[in-house]
Amino acid sequence: MLSYEFFIQTEKRHIDFINKVMEAYEGLGVVRTLDPKNGLIKIISIDIYKGLVEKILEDLNEKGVTLKIIKQGPWEGEL
């Protein structure tokens, strides 16, 4: 199992909601806010959950939570 991360651009107002959704999926991923003013967050998960995290993010986007995955890949070790 390797750690995996998603860098996400969203609107500032969506950050807390995305965090709460990820918390509801206990153990699936951890949300870190990198730049709250500009809506930049990252989700740290593990590689076997990559597809599930992508699906959750797609579903959120389809339901009006504007977000875009701007980078993803193996975790680079920074929280």
PDB file of N, CA and C in Angstrom:
ATOM      1  N   MET A   1       0.826  -1.175   0.000  1.00  0.00           N
ATOM      2  CA  MET A   1       0.000   0.000   0.000  1.00  0.00           C
ATOM      3  C   MET A   1       0.876   1.245   0.000  1.00  0.00           C
ATOM      4  N   LEU A   2       0.632   2.119  -0.944  1.00  0.00           N
ATOM      5  CA  LEU A   2       1.367   3.379  -1.027  1.00  0.00           C
ATOM      6  C   LEU A   2       0.403   4.540  -0.824  1.00  0.00           C
ATOM      7  N   SER A   3       0.885   5.601  -0.201  1.00  0.00           N
ATOM      8  CA  SER A   3       0.070   6.798  -0.033  1.00  0.00           C
ATOM      9  C   SER A   3      -0.065   7.510  -1.370  1.00  0.00           C
ATOM     10  N   TYR A   4      -1.193   8.181  -1.556  1.00  0.00           N
ATOM     11  CA  TYR A   4      -1.521   8.833  -2.811  1.00  0.00           C
ATOM     12  C   TYR A   4      -2.157  10.180  -2.479  1.00  0.00           C
ATOM     13  N   GLU A   5      -1.927  11.190  -3.318  1.00  0.00           N
ATOM     14  CA  GLU A   5      -2.503  12.497  -3.024  1.00  0.00           C
ATOM     15  C   GLU A   5      -3.139  13.135  -4.251  1.00  0.00           C
ATOM     16  N   PHE A   6      -4.142  13.942  -3.968  1.00  0.00           N
ATOM     17  CA  PHE A   6      -4.870  14.705  -4.978  1.00  0.00           C
ATOM     18  C   PHE A   6      -4.767  16.177  -4.607  1.00  0.00           C
ATOM     19  N   PHE A   7      -4.326  17.007  -5.520  1.00  0.00           N
ATOM     20  CA  PHE A   7      -4.346  18.455  -5.331  1.00  0.00           C
ATOM     21  C   PHE A   7      -5.582  18.965  -6.055  1.00  0.00           C
ATOM     22  N   ILE A   8      -6.395  19.717  -5.345  1.00  0.00           N
ATOM     23  CA  ILE A   8      -7.703  20.105  -5.855  1.00  0.00           C
ATOM     24  C   ILE A   8      -7.893  21.610  -5.763  1.00  0.00           C
ATOM     25  N   GLN A   9      -8.391  22.169  -6.849  1.00  0.00           N
ATOM     26  CA  GLN A   9      -8.777  23.582  -6.883  1.00  0.00           C
ATOM     27  C   GLN A   9     -10.293  23.637  -6.770  1.00  0.00           C
ATOM     28  N   THR A  10     -10.778  24.410  -5.828  1.00  0.00           N
ATOM     29  CA  THR A  10     -12.206  24.546  -5.614  1.00  0.00           C
ATOM     30  C   THR A  10     -12.498  25.973  -5.196  1.00  0.00           C
ATOM     31  N   GLU A  11     -13.737  26.247  -4.898  1.00  0.00           N
ATOM     32  CA  GLU A  11     -14.093  27.552  -4.359  1.00  0.00           C
ATOM     33  C   GLU A  11     -13.910  27.509  -2.849  1.00  0.00           C
ATOM     34  N   LYS A  12     -13.517  28.634  -2.284  1.00  0.00           N
ATOM     35  CA  LYS A  12     -13.277  28.718  -0.847  1.00  0.00           C
ATOM     36  C   LYS A  12     -14.478  28.194  -0.054  1.00  0.00           C
ATOM     37  N   ARG A  13     -15.671  28.506  -0.511  1.00  0.00           N
ATOM     38  CA  ARG A  13     -16.889  28.120   0.215  1.00  0.00           C
ATOM     39  C   ARG A  13     -17.134  26.613   0.224  1.00  0.00           C
ATOM     40  N   HIS A  14     -16.459  25.863  -0.647  1.00  0.00           N
ATOM     41  CA  HIS A  14     -16.662  24.408  -0.724  1.00  0.00           C
ATOM     42  C   HIS A  14     -15.671  23.605   0.125  1.00  0.00           C
ATOM     43  N   ILE A  15     -14.640  24.250   0.620  1.00  0.00           N
ATOM     44  CA  ILE A  15     -13.587  23.517   1.331  1.00  0.00           C
ATOM     45  C   ILE A  15     -14.135  22.738   2.518  1.00  0.00           C
ATOM     46  N   ASP A  16     -14.902  23.379   3.368  1.00  0.00           N
ATOM     47  CA  ASP A  16     -15.421  22.713   4.564  1.00  0.00           C
ATOM     48  C   ASP A  16     -16.342  21.546   4.187  1.00  0.00           C
ATOM     49  N   PHE A  17     -17.168  21.731   3.174  1.00  0.00           N
ATOM     50  CA  PHE A  17     -18.085  20.667   2.765  1.00  0.00           C
ATOM     51  C   PHE A  17     -17.310  19.448   2.247  1.00  0.00           C
ATOM     52  N   ILE A  18     -16.301  19.683   1.413  1.00  0.00           N
ATOM     53  CA  ILE A  18     -15.482  18.582   0.904  1.00  0.00           C
ATOM     54  C   ILE A  18     -14.822  17.844   2.061  1.00  0.00           C
ATOM     55  N   ASN A  19     -14.319  18.594   3.018  1.00  0.00           N
ATOM     56  CA  ASN A  19     -13.698  17.991   4.199  1.00  0.00           C
ATOM     57  C   ASN A  19     -14.695  17.119   4.955  1.00  0.00           C
ATOM     58  N   LYS A  20     -15.905  17.613   5.153  1.00  0.00           N
ATOM     59  CA  LYS A  20     -16.926  16.849   5.884  1.00  0.00           C
ATOM     60  C   LYS A  20     -17.329  15.573   5.128  1.00  0.00           C
ATOM     61  N   VAL A  21     -17.412  15.663   3.817  1.00  0.00           N
ATOM     62  CA  VAL A  21     -17.738  14.472   3.016  1.00  0.00           C
ATOM     63  C   VAL A  21     -16.637  13.422   3.182  1.00  0.00           C
ATOM     64  N   MET A  22     -15.386  13.849   3.093  1.00  0.00           N
ATOM     65  CA  MET A  22     -14.282  12.898   3.246  1.00  0.00           C
ATOM     66  C   MET A  22     -14.240  12.317   4.653  1.00  0.00           C
ATOM     67  N   GLU A  23     -14.541  13.130   5.660  1.00  0.00           N
ATOM     68  CA  GLU A  23     -14.592  12.621   7.037  1.00  0.00           C
ATOM     69  C   GLU A  23     -15.684  11.565   7.196  1.00  0.00           C
ATOM     70  N   ALA A  24     -16.768  11.724   6.464  1.00  0.00           N
ATOM     71  CA  ALA A  24     -17.872  10.763   6.546  1.00  0.00           C
ATOM     72  C   ALA A  24     -17.452   9.381   6.034  1.00  0.00           C
ATOM     73  N   TYR A  25     -16.486   9.345   5.137  1.00  0.00           N
ATOM     74  CA  TYR A  25     -15.930   8.080   4.643  1.00  0.00           C
ATOM     75  C   TYR A  25     -14.715   7.733   5.497  1.00  0.00           C
ATOM     76  N   GLU A  26     -14.933   7.506   6.755  1.00  0.00           N
ATOM     77  CA  GLU A  26     -13.859   7.293   7.734  1.00  0.00           C
ATOM     78  C   GLU A  26     -12.705   6.455   7.181  1.00  0.00           C
ATOM     79  N   GLY A  27     -11.516   7.038   7.228  1.00  0.00           N
ATOM     80  CA  GLY A  27     -10.319   6.326   6.815  1.00  0.00           C
ATOM     81  C   GLY A  27     -10.010   6.371   5.329  1.00  0.00           C
ATOM     82  N   LEU A  28     -10.892   6.972   4.539  1.00  0.00           N
ATOM     83  CA  LEU A  28     -10.671   7.010   3.093  1.00  0.00           C
ATOM     84  C   LEU A  28      -9.603   8.031   2.699  1.00  0.00           C
ATOM     85  N   GLY A  29      -9.593   9.153   3.372  1.00  0.00           N
ATOM     86  CA  GLY A  29      -8.622  10.174   3.042  1.00  0.00           C
ATOM     87  C   GLY A  29      -8.653  11.316   4.032  1.00  0.00           C
ATOM     88  N   VAL A  30      -7.590  12.085   4.026  1.00  0.00           N
ATOM     89  CA  VAL A  30      -7.453  13.233   4.909  1.00  0.00           C
ATOM     90  C   VAL A  30      -7.343  14.480   4.043  1.00  0.00           C
ATOM     91  N   VAL A  31      -8.132  15.502   4.369  1.00  0.00           N
ATOM     92  CA  VAL A  31      -8.105  16.754   3.619  1.00  0.00           C
ATOM     93  C   VAL A  31      -7.183  17.735   4.328  1.00  0.00           C
ATOM     94  N   ARG A  32      -6.307  18.357   3.561  1.00  0.00           N
ATOM     95  CA  ARG A  32      -5.428  19.411   4.054  1.00  0.00           C
ATOM     96  C   ARG A  32      -5.687  20.658   3.218  1.00  0.00           C
ATOM     97  N   THR A  33      -5.899  21.784   3.884  1.00  0.00           N
ATOM     98  CA  THR A  33      -6.098  23.053   3.183  1.00  0.00           C
ATOM     99  C   THR A  33      -4.739  23.707   2.985  1.00  0.00           C
ATOM    100  N   LEU A  34      -4.371  23.895   1.735  1.00  0.00           N
ATOM    101  CA  LEU A  34      -3.067  24.468   1.401  1.00  0.00           C
ATOM    102  C   LEU A  34      -3.136  25.985   1.279  1.00  0.00           C
ATOM    103  N   ASP A  35      -4.212  26.482   0.685  1.00  0.00           N
ATOM    104  CA  ASP A  35      -4.401  27.919   0.496  1.00  0.00           C
ATOM    105  C   ASP A  35      -5.899  28.208   0.531  1.00  0.00           C
ATOM    106  N   PRO A  36      -6.447  28.516   1.702  1.00  0.00           N
ATOM    107  CA  PRO A  36      -7.889  28.696   1.824  1.00  0.00           C
ATOM    108  C   PRO A  36      -8.424  29.863   0.988  1.00  0.00           C
ATOM    109  N   LYS A  37      -7.665  30.915   0.887  1.00  0.00           N
ATOM    110  CA  LYS A  37      -8.106  32.090   0.133  1.00  0.00           C
ATOM    111  C   LYS A  37      -8.344  31.756  -1.343  1.00  0.00           C
ATOM    112  N   ASN A  38      -7.485  30.895  -1.882  1.00  0.00           N
ATOM    113  CA  ASN A  38      -7.587  30.531  -3.296  1.00  0.00           C
ATOM    114  C   ASN A  38      -8.226  29.165  -3.525  1.00  0.00           C
ATOM    115  N   GLY A  39      -8.720  28.515  -2.464  1.00  0.00           N
ATOM    116  CA  GLY A  39      -9.438  27.256  -2.609  1.00  0.00           C
ATOM    117  C   GLY A  39      -8.573  26.068  -2.996  1.00  0.00           C
ATOM    118  N   LEU A  40      -7.330  26.048  -2.556  1.00  0.00           N
ATOM    119  CA  LEU A  40      -6.430  24.939  -2.892  1.00  0.00           C
ATOM    120  C   LEU A  40      -6.338  23.979  -1.707  1.00  0.00           C
ATOM    121  N   ILE A  41      -6.708  22.733  -1.962  1.00  0.00           N
ATOM    122  CA  ILE A  41      -6.656  21.697  -0.931  1.00  0.00           C
ATOM    123  C   ILE A  41      -5.970  20.462  -1.499  1.00  0.00           C
ATOM    124  N   LYS A  42      -5.645  19.538  -0.603  1.00  0.00           N
ATOM    125  CA  LYS A  42      -5.184  18.235  -1.077  1.00  0.00           C
ATOM    126  C   LYS A  42      -5.828  17.168  -0.215  1.00  0.00           C
ATOM    127  N   ILE A  43      -6.012  16.025  -0.822  1.00  0.00           N
ATOM    128  CA  ILE A  43      -6.535  14.861  -0.124  1.00  0.00           C
ATOM    129  C   ILE A  43      -5.458  13.797  -0.175  1.00  0.00           C
ATOM    130  N   ILE A  44      -5.086  13.304   0.996  1.00  0.00           N
ATOM    131  CA  ILE A  44      -4.100  12.236   1.088  1.00  0.00           C
ATOM    132  C   ILE A  44      -4.837  10.947   1.394  1.00  0.00           C
ATOM    133  N   SER A  45      -4.605   9.937   0.585  1.00  0.00           N
ATOM    134  CA  SER A  45      -5.280   8.653   0.714  1.00  0.00           C
ATOM    135  C   SER A  45      -4.242   7.558   0.479  1.00  0.00           C
ATOM    136  N   ILE A  46      -4.704   6.397   0.096  1.00  0.00           N
ATOM    137  CA  ILE A  46      -3.795   5.331  -0.312  1.00  0.00           C
ATOM    138  C   ILE A  46      -4.175   4.891  -1.722  1.00  0.00           C
ATOM    139  N   ASP A  47      -3.203   4.322  -2.400  1.00  0.00           N
ATOM    140  CA  ASP A  47      -3.389   4.015  -3.823  1.00  0.00           C
ATOM    141  C   ASP A  47      -4.575   3.102  -4.113  1.00  0.00           C
ATOM    142  N   ILE A  48      -4.925   2.197  -3.217  1.00  0.00           N
ATOM    143  CA  ILE A  48      -6.046   1.300  -3.508  1.00  0.00           C
ATOM    144  C   ILE A  48      -7.394   2.024  -3.444  1.00  0.00           C
ATOM    145  N   TYR A  49      -7.429   3.204  -2.830  1.00  0.00           N
ATOM    146  CA  TYR A  49      -8.659   4.007  -2.770  1.00  0.00           C
ATOM    147  C   TYR A  49      -8.705   5.093  -3.843  1.00  0.00           C
ATOM    148  N   LYS A  50      -7.712   5.155  -4.691  1.00  0.00           N
ATOM    149  CA  LYS A  50      -7.622   6.205  -5.709  1.00  0.00           C
ATOM    150  C   LYS A  50      -8.905   6.328  -6.524  1.00  0.00           C
ATOM    151  N   GLY A  51      -9.393   5.235  -7.043  1.00  0.00           N
ATOM    152  CA  GLY A  51     -10.601   5.245  -7.869  1.00  0.00           C
ATOM    153  C   GLY A  51     -11.832   5.698  -7.100  1.00  0.00           C
ATOM    154  N   LEU A  52     -11.942   5.296  -5.855  1.00  0.00           N
ATOM    155  CA  LEU A  52     -13.079   5.686  -5.026  1.00  0.00           C
ATOM    156  C   LEU A  52     -13.050   7.187  -4.727  1.00  0.00           C
ATOM    157  N   VAL A  53     -11.884   7.714  -4.406  1.00  0.00           N
ATOM    158  CA  VAL A  53     -11.762   9.154  -4.160  1.00  0.00           C
ATOM    159  C   VAL A  53     -12.119   9.921  -5.434  1.00  0.00           C
ATOM    160  N   GLU A  54     -11.632   9.473  -6.583  1.00  0.00           N
ATOM    161  CA  GLU A  54     -11.966  10.126  -7.856  1.00  0.00           C
ATOM    162  C   GLU A  54     -13.468  10.120  -8.089  1.00  0.00           C
ATOM    163  N   LYS A  55     -14.116   9.017  -7.801  1.00  0.00           N
ATOM    164  CA  LYS A  55     -15.570   8.906  -7.993  1.00  0.00           C
ATOM    165  C   LYS A  55     -16.311   9.867  -7.071  1.00  0.00           C
ATOM    166  N   ILE A  56     -15.898   9.957  -5.829  1.00  0.00           N
ATOM    167  CA  ILE A  56     -16.525  10.890  -4.884  1.00  0.00           C
ATOM    168  C   ILE A  56     -16.371  12.324  -5.393  1.00  0.00           C
ATOM    169  N   LEU A  57     -15.180  12.671  -5.851  1.00  0.00           N
ATOM    170  CA  LEU A  57     -14.939  14.018  -6.358  1.00  0.00           C
ATOM    171  C   LEU A  57     -15.773  14.295  -7.610  1.00  0.00           C
ATOM    172  N   GLU A  58     -15.898  13.325  -8.490  1.00  0.00           N
ATOM    173  CA  GLU A  58     -16.748  13.472  -9.678  1.00  0.00           C
ATOM    174  C   GLU A  58     -18.198  13.699  -9.272  1.00  0.00           C
ATOM    175  N   ASP A  59     -18.684  12.920  -8.309  1.00  0.00           N
ATOM    176  CA  ASP A  59     -20.063  13.059  -7.842  1.00  0.00           C
ATOM    177  C   ASP A  59     -20.303  14.439  -7.232  1.00  0.00           C
ATOM    178  N   LEU A  60     -19.360  14.915  -6.441  1.00  0.00           N
ATOM    179  CA  LEU A  60     -19.488  16.242  -5.855  1.00  0.00           C
ATOM    180  C   LEU A  60     -19.563  17.304  -6.951  1.00  0.00           C
ATOM    181  N   ASN A  61     -18.711  17.180  -7.940  1.00  0.00           N
ATOM    182  CA  ASN A  61     -18.685  18.138  -9.041  1.00  0.00           C
ATOM    183  C   ASN A  61     -20.008  18.133  -9.805  1.00  0.00           C
ATOM    184  N   GLU A  62     -20.564  16.957 -10.029  1.00  0.00           N
ATOM    185  CA  GLU A  62     -21.841  16.847 -10.727  1.00  0.00           C
ATOM    186  C   GLU A  62     -22.996  17.444  -9.919  1.00  0.00           C
ATOM    187  N   LYS A  63     -22.820  17.507  -8.605  1.00  0.00           N
ATOM    188  CA  LYS A  63     -23.867  18.026  -7.734  1.00  0.00           C
ATOM    189  C   LYS A  63     -23.649  19.497  -7.368  1.00  0.00           C
ATOM    190  N   GLY A  64     -22.746  20.168  -8.079  1.00  0.00           N
ATOM    191  CA  GLY A  64     -22.585  21.601  -7.911  1.00  0.00           C
ATOM    192  C   GLY A  64     -21.452  22.058  -7.020  1.00  0.00           C
ATOM    193  N   VAL A  65     -20.649  21.128  -6.505  1.00  0.00           N
ATOM    194  CA  VAL A  65     -19.474  21.497  -5.725  1.00  0.00           C
ATOM    195  C   VAL A  65     -18.322  21.611  -6.720  1.00  0.00           C
ATOM    196  N   THR A  66     -18.109  22.805  -7.214  1.00  0.00           N
ATOM    197  CA  THR A  66     -17.123  23.031  -8.263  1.00  0.00           C
ATOM    198  C   THR A  66     -15.722  22.688  -7.769  1.00  0.00           C
ATOM    199  N   LEU A  67     -15.081  21.752  -8.458  1.00  0.00           N
ATOM    200  CA  LEU A  67     -13.708  21.386  -8.114  1.00  0.00           C
ATOM    201  C   LEU A  67     -13.020  20.802  -9.326  1.00  0.00           C
ATOM    202  N   LYS A  68     -11.699  20.878  -9.291  1.00  0.00           N
ATOM    203  CA  LYS A  68     -10.891  20.329 -10.376  1.00  0.00           C
ATOM    204  C   LYS A  68      -9.641  19.713  -9.775  1.00  0.00           C
ATOM    205  N   ILE A  69      -9.345  18.476 -10.157  1.00  0.00           N
ATOM    206  CA  ILE A  69      -8.102  17.839  -9.739  1.00  0.00           C
ATOM    207  C   ILE A  69      -7.001  18.432 -10.616  1.00  0.00           C
ATOM    208  N   ILE A  70      -6.077  19.151  -9.993  1.00  0.00           N
ATOM    209  CA  ILE A  70      -5.026  19.798 -10.779  1.00  0.00           C
ATOM    210  C   ILE A  70      -3.737  18.991 -10.816  1.00  0.00           C
ATOM    211  N   LYS A  71      -3.600  18.071  -9.886  1.00  0.00           N
ATOM    212  CA  LYS A  71      -2.426  17.197  -9.868  1.00  0.00           C
ATOM    213  C   LYS A  71      -2.751  16.016  -8.966  1.00  0.00           C
ATOM    214  N   GLN A  72      -2.244  14.860  -9.327  1.00  0.00           N
ATOM    215  CA  GLN A  72      -2.387  13.689  -8.469  1.00  0.00           C
ATOM    216  C   GLN A  72      -1.220  12.754  -8.693  1.00  0.00           C
ATOM    217  N   GLY A  73      -0.954  11.955  -7.684  1.00  0.00           N
ATOM    218  CA  GLY A  73       0.145  11.005  -7.804  1.00  0.00           C
ATOM    219  C   GLY A  73       0.556  10.491  -6.450  1.00  0.00           C
ATOM    220  N   PRO A  74       1.635   9.728  -6.407  1.00  0.00           N
ATOM    221  CA  PRO A  74       2.116   9.210  -5.134  1.00  0.00           C
ATOM    222  C   PRO A  74       2.404  10.361  -4.162  1.00  0.00           C
ATOM    223  N   TRP A  75       2.076  10.128  -2.911  1.00  0.00           N
ATOM    224  CA  TRP A  75       2.281  11.141  -1.871  1.00  0.00           C
ATOM    225  C   TRP A  75       3.743  11.522  -1.805  1.00  0.00           C
ATOM    226  N   GLU A  76       4.003  12.820  -1.785  1.00  0.00           N
ATOM    227  CA  GLU A  76       5.377  13.320  -1.773  1.00  0.00           C
ATOM    228  C   GLU A  76       5.906  13.528  -0.358  1.00  0.00           C
ATOM    229  N   GLY A  77       5.150  13.111   0.638  1.00  0.00           N
ATOM    230  CA  GLY A  77       5.626  13.133   2.018  1.00  0.00           C
ATOM    231  C   GLY A  77       5.371  14.401   2.797  1.00  0.00           C
ATOM    232  N   GLU A  78       4.622  15.323   2.230  1.00  0.00           N
ATOM    233  CA  GLU A  78       4.359  16.578   2.907  1.00  0.00           C
ATOM    234  C   GLU A  78       2.896  16.670   3.297  1.00  0.00           C
ATOM    235  N   LEU A  79       2.658  16.961   4.588  1.00  0.00           N
ATOM    236  CA  LEU A  79       1.286  17.105   5.059  1.00  0.00           C
ATOM    237  C   LEU A  79       0.794  18.489   4.730  1.00  0.00           C
TER     238      LEU A  79
END
